[in-house]
Amino acid sequence: MKLIITASLILLADRLSKFLVMARMTEGQSIPLIPPVLYLTYVQNRGAAFGFFQGKVILLSAIAVLCLLFILTQWKMIMTRSAFVRWGVFIALAGAIGNLIDRLRWGAVIDFIDIRIFVFNIADAAIVFGVALLFWEVLIHDRQG
């Protein structure tokens, strides 16, 4: 139950933050929070991470749907795995759903957390954190077994 609540809260935070950015900022607008390190910058990313696959909304959406379907088919196995695997999958899943909603609704992912190297959102951070937990499981815990 903690997994579902956490994933739901991540998805809610992602949706709410993107709604607020879209409602109160214009695309391209940047607000300094902690200059020169952190800004709020409204960007519509029509590609994947780091701008790869620009304009490939259908392809990126299809990949996300296939990943979600794969997770659903492996659900029972995932739930028998370690906490790192379960948390990693649930957290990454919440992020993937958040970005998929953007792609299907807006044709782009709404990014706004700008650290001057790249701009991302809460869903992106969730995906990275979830995948990091999965890597941790593979690199650290699987070696001990």
N, C-alpha and C. Protein backbone atom coordinates (compact mmCIF):
# COMPACT_ATOMS: atom_id res chain seq x y z
N MET A 1 0.82 -1.19 0.00
CA MET A 1 0.00 0.00 0.00
C MET A 1 0.87 1.26 0.00
N LYS A 2 2.02 1.23 0.72
CA LYS A 2 2.94 2.37 0.73
C LYS A 2 3.44 2.69 -0.67
N LEU A 3 3.68 1.64 -1.45
CA LEU A 3 4.16 1.83 -2.82
C LEU A 3 3.13 2.59 -3.66
N ILE A 4 1.88 2.20 -3.56
CA ILE A 4 0.83 2.83 -4.35
C ILE A 4 0.62 4.27 -3.90
N ILE A 5 0.62 4.50 -2.60
CA ILE A 5 0.44 5.86 -2.09
C ILE A 5 1.59 6.75 -2.55
N THR A 6 2.82 6.26 -2.43
CA THR A 6 3.99 7.05 -2.84
C THR A 6 3.94 7.35 -4.33
N ALA A 7 3.66 6.34 -5.15
CA ALA A 7 3.58 6.55 -6.60
C ALA A 7 2.46 7.54 -6.93
N SER A 8 1.35 7.44 -6.24
CA SER A 8 0.24 8.38 -6.47
C SER A 8 0.62 9.80 -6.09
N LEU A 9 1.34 9.96 -4.99
CA LEU A 9 1.78 11.30 -4.57
C LEU A 9 2.79 11.89 -5.56
N ILE A 10 3.67 11.05 -6.08
CA ILE A 10 4.62 11.52 -7.10
C ILE A 10 3.87 11.99 -8.34
N LEU A 11 2.92 11.18 -8.78
CA LEU A 11 2.14 11.54 -9.96
C LEU A 11 1.33 12.82 -9.71
N LEU A 12 0.74 12.95 -8.53
CA LEU A 12 -0.01 14.15 -8.19
C LEU A 12 0.89 15.39 -8.17
N ALA A 13 2.06 15.26 -7.55
CA ALA A 13 3.01 16.39 -7.51
C ALA A 13 3.45 16.78 -8.91
N ASP A 14 3.68 15.78 -9.76
CA ASP A 14 4.08 16.05 -11.13
C ASP A 14 2.97 16.79 -11.88
N ARG A 15 1.76 16.29 -11.80
CA ARG A 15 0.64 16.90 -12.52
C ARG A 15 0.37 18.32 -12.02
N LEU A 16 0.36 18.50 -10.70
CA LEU A 16 0.08 19.81 -10.11
C LEU A 16 1.16 20.82 -10.47
N SER A 17 2.42 20.40 -10.37
CA SER A 17 3.52 21.34 -10.68
C SER A 17 3.48 21.77 -12.14
N LYS A 18 3.20 20.84 -13.03
CA LYS A 18 3.12 21.18 -14.46
C LYS A 18 1.93 22.09 -14.73
N PHE A 19 0.80 21.82 -14.07
CA PHE A 19 -0.37 22.67 -14.22
C PHE A 19 -0.05 24.11 -13.80
N LEU A 20 0.61 24.26 -12.66
CA LEU A 20 0.95 25.59 -12.15
C LEU A 20 1.91 26.31 -13.09
N VAL A 21 2.91 25.59 -13.59
CA VAL A 21 3.86 26.21 -14.52
C VAL A 21 3.14 26.68 -15.78
N MET A 22 2.30 25.83 -16.33
CA MET A 22 1.59 26.20 -17.56
C MET A 22 0.60 27.34 -17.33
N ALA A 23 0.00 27.41 -16.14
CA ALA A 23 -1.00 28.42 -15.85
C ALA A 23 -0.38 29.78 -15.53
N ARG A 24 0.83 29.78 -14.98
CA ARG A 24 1.40 31.04 -14.47
C ARG A 24 2.63 31.54 -15.22
N MET A 25 3.12 30.74 -16.16
CA MET A 25 4.32 31.15 -16.89
C MET A 25 4.05 31.07 -18.39
N THR A 26 4.85 31.78 -19.15
CA THR A 26 4.80 31.64 -20.60
C THR A 26 5.97 30.76 -21.01
N GLU A 27 5.78 30.04 -22.10
CA GLU A 27 6.84 29.17 -22.56
C GLU A 27 8.12 29.96 -22.79
N GLY A 28 9.22 29.47 -22.25
CA GLY A 28 10.51 30.14 -22.36
C GLY A 28 10.82 31.05 -21.20
N GLN A 29 9.81 31.41 -20.41
CA GLN A 29 10.02 32.28 -19.26
C GLN A 29 10.89 31.57 -18.22
N SER A 30 11.80 32.31 -17.61
CA SER A 30 12.71 31.76 -16.61
C SER A 30 12.70 32.65 -15.37
N ILE A 31 12.54 32.02 -14.21
CA ILE A 31 12.52 32.74 -12.94
C ILE A 31 13.68 32.23 -12.09
N PRO A 32 14.62 33.10 -11.72
CA PRO A 32 15.73 32.65 -10.88
C PRO A 32 15.24 32.29 -9.47
N LEU A 33 15.67 31.13 -9.00
CA LEU A 33 15.37 30.72 -7.63
C LEU A 33 16.64 30.81 -6.77
N ILE A 34 17.70 30.15 -7.24
CA ILE A 34 19.01 30.21 -6.59
C ILE A 34 20.04 30.43 -7.68
N PRO A 35 20.14 31.69 -8.18
CA PRO A 35 21.09 31.94 -9.26
C PRO A 35 22.52 31.71 -8.79
N PRO A 36 23.39 31.20 -9.58
CA PRO A 36 23.23 30.80 -10.98
C PRO A 36 22.95 29.30 -11.13
N VAL A 37 22.40 28.68 -10.11
CA VAL A 37 22.27 27.22 -10.09
C VAL A 37 20.87 26.71 -10.43
N LEU A 38 19.84 27.35 -9.91
CA LEU A 38 18.49 26.81 -10.03
C LEU A 38 17.51 27.88 -10.48
N TYR A 39 16.76 27.54 -11.53
CA TYR A 39 15.75 28.43 -12.10
C TYR A 39 14.49 27.62 -12.37
N LEU A 40 13.37 28.31 -12.44
CA LEU A 40 12.15 27.74 -12.99
C LEU A 40 12.08 28.23 -14.42
N THR A 41 12.14 27.33 -15.38
CA THR A 41 12.09 27.70 -16.79
C THR A 41 11.08 26.80 -17.48
N TYR A 42 10.07 27.40 -18.06
CA TYR A 42 9.00 26.65 -18.72
C TYR A 42 9.45 26.26 -20.12
N VAL A 43 9.57 24.94 -20.33
CA VAL A 43 9.99 24.39 -21.61
C VAL A 43 9.04 23.27 -22.00
N GLN A 44 8.66 23.23 -23.25
CA GLN A 44 7.90 22.09 -23.77
C GLN A 44 8.87 21.23 -24.58
N ASN A 45 9.22 20.10 -24.02
CA ASN A 45 10.19 19.19 -24.64
C ASN A 45 9.44 18.21 -25.54
N ARG A 46 9.64 18.35 -26.83
CA ARG A 46 8.96 17.50 -27.80
C ARG A 46 9.79 16.26 -28.15
N GLY A 47 10.81 16.00 -27.35
CA GLY A 47 11.64 14.82 -27.57
C GLY A 47 11.80 14.04 -26.28
N ALA A 48 12.89 13.32 -26.20
CA ALA A 48 13.21 12.55 -25.00
C ALA A 48 14.27 13.31 -24.20
N ALA A 49 14.90 12.65 -23.29
CA ALA A 49 15.94 13.28 -22.47
C ALA A 49 17.01 13.90 -23.34
N PHE A 50 17.47 15.07 -22.91
CA PHE A 50 18.54 15.81 -23.59
C PHE A 50 18.18 16.17 -25.03
N GLY A 51 16.88 16.20 -25.33
CA GLY A 51 16.43 16.62 -26.65
C GLY A 51 16.53 15.57 -27.74
N PHE A 52 16.86 14.33 -27.38
CA PHE A 52 16.91 13.27 -28.39
C PHE A 52 15.50 13.00 -28.92
N PHE A 53 15.41 12.54 -30.14
CA PHE A 53 14.15 12.14 -30.78
C PHE A 53 13.12 13.27 -30.82
N GLN A 54 13.56 14.49 -31.13
CA GLN A 54 12.66 15.64 -31.22
C GLN A 54 11.52 15.36 -32.19
N GLY A 55 10.30 15.67 -31.75
CA GLY A 55 9.13 15.53 -32.59
C GLY A 55 8.62 14.11 -32.75
N LYS A 56 9.21 13.15 -32.09
CA LYS A 56 8.82 11.74 -32.22
C LYS A 56 7.84 11.36 -31.10
N VAL A 57 6.76 12.14 -30.97
CA VAL A 57 5.80 11.95 -29.88
C VAL A 57 5.16 10.57 -29.94
N ILE A 58 4.77 10.14 -31.13
CA ILE A 58 4.11 8.83 -31.26
C ILE A 58 5.08 7.71 -30.88
N LEU A 59 6.30 7.77 -31.36
CA LEU A 59 7.30 6.76 -31.03
C LEU A 59 7.57 6.73 -29.52
N LEU A 60 7.79 7.89 -28.92
CA LEU A 60 8.09 7.95 -27.49
C LEU A 60 6.89 7.50 -26.66
N SER A 61 5.69 7.85 -27.09
CA SER A 61 4.48 7.40 -26.39
C SER A 61 4.32 5.89 -26.49
N ALA A 62 4.58 5.35 -27.68
CA ALA A 62 4.47 3.90 -27.88
C ALA A 62 5.47 3.16 -27.02
N ILE A 63 6.69 3.66 -26.93
CA ILE A 63 7.71 3.03 -26.08
C ILE A 63 7.26 3.04 -24.63
N ALA A 64 6.70 4.16 -24.17
CA ALA A 64 6.21 4.26 -22.79
C ALA A 64 5.08 3.27 -22.54
N VAL A 65 4.15 3.17 -23.47
CA VAL A 65 3.03 2.24 -23.32
C VAL A 65 3.54 0.80 -23.29
N LEU A 66 4.49 0.47 -24.16
CA LEU A 66 5.05 -0.88 -24.15
C LEU A 66 5.74 -1.20 -22.83
N CYS A 67 6.46 -0.23 -22.28
CA CYS A 67 7.10 -0.43 -20.97
C CYS A 67 6.07 -0.64 -19.88
N LEU A 68 4.99 0.14 -19.93
CA LEU A 68 3.93 -0.02 -18.94
C LEU A 68 3.27 -1.39 -19.07
N LEU A 69 3.02 -1.82 -20.29
CA LEU A 69 2.43 -3.15 -20.50
C LEU A 69 3.37 -4.25 -20.01
N PHE A 70 4.67 -4.09 -20.26
CA PHE A 70 5.64 -5.07 -19.78
C PHE A 70 5.60 -5.17 -18.25
N ILE A 71 5.55 -4.02 -17.59
CA ILE A 71 5.48 -4.02 -16.13
C ILE A 71 4.22 -4.74 -15.66
N LEU A 72 3.10 -4.48 -16.31
CA LEU A 72 1.85 -5.15 -15.93
C LEU A 72 1.94 -6.66 -16.11
N THR A 73 2.60 -7.12 -17.18
CA THR A 73 2.71 -8.57 -17.39
C THR A 73 3.67 -9.22 -16.40
N GLN A 74 4.55 -8.43 -15.82
CA GLN A 74 5.54 -8.96 -14.87
C GLN A 74 5.18 -8.62 -13.42
N TRP A 75 3.96 -8.15 -13.20
CA TRP A 75 3.55 -7.63 -11.91
C TRP A 75 3.80 -8.60 -10.75
N LYS A 76 3.35 -9.84 -10.90
CA LYS A 76 3.51 -10.82 -9.81
C LYS A 76 4.98 -11.05 -9.49
N MET A 77 5.81 -11.14 -10.51
CA MET A 77 7.24 -11.36 -10.29
C MET A 77 7.87 -10.15 -9.61
N ILE A 78 7.49 -8.95 -10.05
CA ILE A 78 8.04 -7.73 -9.46
C ILE A 78 7.73 -7.68 -7.96
N MET A 79 6.52 -8.04 -7.60
CA MET A 79 6.10 -7.95 -6.21
C MET A 79 6.79 -8.98 -5.31
N THR A 80 7.45 -9.97 -5.90
CA THR A 80 8.19 -10.95 -5.09
C THR A 80 9.66 -10.56 -4.93
N ARG A 81 10.08 -9.52 -5.62
CA ARG A 81 11.48 -9.11 -5.60
C ARG A 81 11.77 -8.24 -4.38
N SER A 82 13.00 -7.78 -4.28
CA SER A 82 13.45 -6.97 -3.15
C SER A 82 12.74 -5.62 -3.11
N ALA A 83 12.87 -4.96 -1.97
CA ALA A 83 12.29 -3.63 -1.81
C ALA A 83 12.87 -2.65 -2.84
N PHE A 84 14.17 -2.79 -3.16
CA PHE A 84 14.78 -1.90 -4.15
C PHE A 84 14.09 -2.04 -5.50
N VAL A 85 13.79 -3.26 -5.89
CA VAL A 85 13.12 -3.49 -7.17
C VAL A 85 11.69 -2.95 -7.12
N ARG A 86 10.96 -3.28 -6.07
CA ARG A 86 9.56 -2.81 -5.98
C ARG A 86 9.48 -1.29 -5.97
N TRP A 87 10.29 -0.64 -5.11
CA TRP A 87 10.27 0.82 -5.04
C TRP A 87 10.75 1.43 -6.36
N GLY A 88 11.80 0.85 -6.92
CA GLY A 88 12.32 1.37 -8.19
C GLY A 88 11.28 1.33 -9.29
N VAL A 89 10.59 0.21 -9.40
CA VAL A 89 9.57 0.08 -10.44
C VAL A 89 8.41 1.04 -10.20
N PHE A 90 7.92 1.11 -8.98
CA PHE A 90 6.77 1.97 -8.69
C PHE A 90 7.10 3.45 -8.90
N ILE A 91 8.26 3.88 -8.45
CA ILE A 91 8.64 5.28 -8.59
C ILE A 91 8.86 5.64 -10.06
N ALA A 92 9.57 4.79 -10.78
CA ALA A 92 9.79 5.04 -12.21
C ALA A 92 8.47 4.98 -12.98
N LEU A 93 7.59 4.08 -12.59
CA LEU A 93 6.29 3.96 -13.24
C LEU A 93 5.47 5.25 -13.08
N ALA A 94 5.48 5.81 -11.89
CA ALA A 94 4.76 7.07 -11.66
C ALA A 94 5.30 8.16 -12.58
N GLY A 95 6.61 8.25 -12.70
CA GLY A 95 7.21 9.25 -13.59
C GLY A 95 6.87 9.00 -15.05
N ALA A 96 6.92 7.75 -15.45
CA ALA A 96 6.62 7.42 -16.85
C ALA A 96 5.17 7.77 -17.19
N ILE A 97 4.27 7.52 -16.26
CA ILE A 97 2.86 7.85 -16.50
C ILE A 97 2.69 9.37 -16.60
N GLY A 98 3.36 10.11 -15.71
CA GLY A 98 3.27 11.57 -15.76
C GLY A 98 3.72 12.14 -17.09
N ASN A 99 4.85 11.66 -17.59
CA ASN A 99 5.34 12.16 -18.88
C ASN A 99 4.50 11.66 -20.05
N LEU A 100 3.95 10.44 -19.95
CA LEU A 100 3.09 9.92 -21.00
C LEU A 100 1.82 10.77 -21.10
N ILE A 101 1.25 11.15 -19.97
CA ILE A 101 0.07 12.02 -19.99
C ILE A 101 0.39 13.31 -20.73
N ASP A 102 1.55 13.91 -20.45
CA ASP A 102 1.95 15.13 -21.15
C ASP A 102 2.02 14.91 -22.66
N ARG A 103 2.68 13.85 -23.06
CA ARG A 103 2.85 13.61 -24.50
C ARG A 103 1.51 13.41 -25.19
N LEU A 104 0.61 12.67 -24.54
CA LEU A 104 -0.69 12.42 -25.15
C LEU A 104 -1.57 13.67 -25.15
N ARG A 105 -1.45 14.48 -24.12
CA ARG A 105 -2.31 15.66 -24.01
C ARG A 105 -1.77 16.88 -24.74
N TRP A 106 -0.46 17.13 -24.63
CA TRP A 106 0.13 18.35 -25.15
C TRP A 106 1.06 18.12 -26.34
N GLY A 107 1.42 16.87 -26.61
CA GLY A 107 2.38 16.60 -27.68
C GLY A 107 3.80 16.90 -27.27
N ALA A 108 4.00 17.16 -25.98
CA ALA A 108 5.32 17.49 -25.43
C ALA A 108 5.31 17.26 -23.93
N VAL A 109 6.48 17.05 -23.37
CA VAL A 109 6.61 16.93 -21.92
C VAL A 109 6.92 18.32 -21.36
N ILE A 110 6.22 18.69 -20.31
CA ILE A 110 6.40 19.99 -19.68
C ILE A 110 7.55 19.90 -18.69
N ASP A 111 8.62 20.62 -18.96
CA ASP A 111 9.80 20.67 -18.08
C ASP A 111 9.90 22.06 -17.47
N PHE A 112 10.49 22.14 -16.26
CA PHE A 112 10.58 23.45 -15.62
C PHE A 112 11.68 23.57 -14.58
N ILE A 113 12.25 22.49 -14.11
CA ILE A 113 13.34 22.56 -13.13
C ILE A 113 14.63 22.71 -13.91
N ASP A 114 15.19 23.89 -13.86
CA ASP A 114 16.32 24.26 -14.71
C ASP A 114 17.58 24.41 -13.84
N ILE A 115 18.54 23.50 -14.06
CA ILE A 115 19.81 23.59 -13.33
C ILE A 115 20.94 24.04 -14.27
N ARG A 116 20.54 24.65 -15.38
CA ARG A 116 21.41 25.24 -16.39
C ARG A 116 22.19 24.22 -17.21
N ILE A 117 22.23 22.99 -16.80
CA ILE A 117 22.82 21.94 -17.64
C ILE A 117 21.70 21.33 -18.48
N PHE A 118 20.55 21.12 -17.85
CA PHE A 118 19.35 20.67 -18.52
C PHE A 118 18.13 21.05 -17.70
N VAL A 119 16.96 20.95 -18.33
CA VAL A 119 15.69 21.27 -17.69
C VAL A 119 14.90 19.97 -17.60
N PHE A 120 14.29 19.73 -16.45
CA PHE A 120 13.55 18.49 -16.23
C PHE A 120 12.33 18.76 -15.38
N ASN A 121 11.64 17.71 -14.97
CA ASN A 121 10.43 17.85 -14.16
C ASN A 121 10.41 16.77 -13.07
N ILE A 122 9.37 16.75 -12.27
CA ILE A 122 9.27 15.79 -11.18
C ILE A 122 9.20 14.36 -11.71
N ALA A 123 8.47 14.16 -12.81
CA ALA A 123 8.39 12.82 -13.40
C ALA A 123 9.76 12.32 -13.84
N ASP A 124 10.54 13.20 -14.47
CA ASP A 124 11.89 12.83 -14.88
C ASP A 124 12.73 12.42 -13.68
N ALA A 125 12.64 13.21 -12.60
CA ALA A 125 13.41 12.90 -11.39
C ALA A 125 12.97 11.55 -10.82
N ALA A 126 11.68 11.27 -10.87
CA ALA A 126 11.18 9.98 -10.37
C ALA A 126 11.71 8.82 -11.21
N ILE A 127 11.71 9.00 -12.52
CA ILE A 127 12.24 7.94 -13.40
C ILE A 127 13.70 7.69 -13.09
N VAL A 128 14.48 8.74 -12.99
CA VAL A 128 15.92 8.59 -12.70
C VAL A 128 16.13 7.93 -11.35
N PHE A 129 15.40 8.36 -10.34
CA PHE A 129 15.55 7.78 -9.00
C PHE A 129 15.12 6.31 -9.00
N GLY A 130 13.99 6.00 -9.66
CA GLY A 130 13.53 4.62 -9.74
C GLY A 130 14.52 3.71 -10.44
N VAL A 131 15.06 4.18 -11.55
CA VAL A 131 16.06 3.39 -12.29
C VAL A 131 17.34 3.24 -11.46
N ALA A 132 17.70 4.29 -10.71
CA ALA A 132 18.88 4.20 -9.83
C ALA A 132 18.69 3.10 -8.79
N LEU A 133 17.48 2.98 -8.25
CA LEU A 133 17.22 1.90 -7.29
C LEU A 133 17.36 0.53 -7.95
N LEU A 134 16.90 0.42 -9.18
CA LEU A 134 17.04 -0.85 -9.91
C LEU A 134 18.51 -1.16 -10.19
N PHE A 135 19.27 -0.15 -10.59
CA PHE A 135 20.71 -0.35 -10.79
C PHE A 135 21.40 -0.75 -9.49
N TRP A 136 21.00 -0.10 -8.40
CA TRP A 136 21.57 -0.43 -7.08
C TRP A 136 21.36 -1.92 -6.79
N GLU A 137 20.16 -2.39 -7.06
CA GLU A 137 19.84 -3.80 -6.83
C GLU A 137 20.75 -4.69 -7.67
N VAL A 138 20.88 -4.36 -8.94
CA VAL A 138 21.68 -5.19 -9.84
C VAL A 138 23.17 -5.12 -9.50
N LEU A 139 23.68 -3.91 -9.29
CA LEU A 139 25.11 -3.74 -9.09
C LEU A 139 25.59 -4.13 -7.69
N ILE A 140 24.78 -3.92 -6.69
CA ILE A 140 25.23 -4.17 -5.32
C ILE A 140 24.66 -5.47 -4.76
N HIS A 141 23.35 -5.57 -4.74
CA HIS A 141 22.74 -6.71 -4.07
C HIS A 141 22.85 -8.02 -4.87
N ASP A 142 22.74 -7.97 -6.17
CA ASP A 142 22.86 -9.21 -6.96
C ASP A 142 24.26 -9.80 -6.86
N ARG A 143 25.28 -8.98 -6.66
CA ARG A 143 26.64 -9.49 -6.52
C ARG A 143 26.83 -10.24 -5.22
N GLN A 144 26.04 -9.89 -4.19
CA GLN A 144 26.19 -10.53 -2.88
C GLN A 144 25.51 -11.90 -2.85
N GLY A 145 24.59 -12.15 -3.79
CA GLY A 145 23.81 -13.37 -3.77
C GLY A 145 24.47 -14.52 -4.37
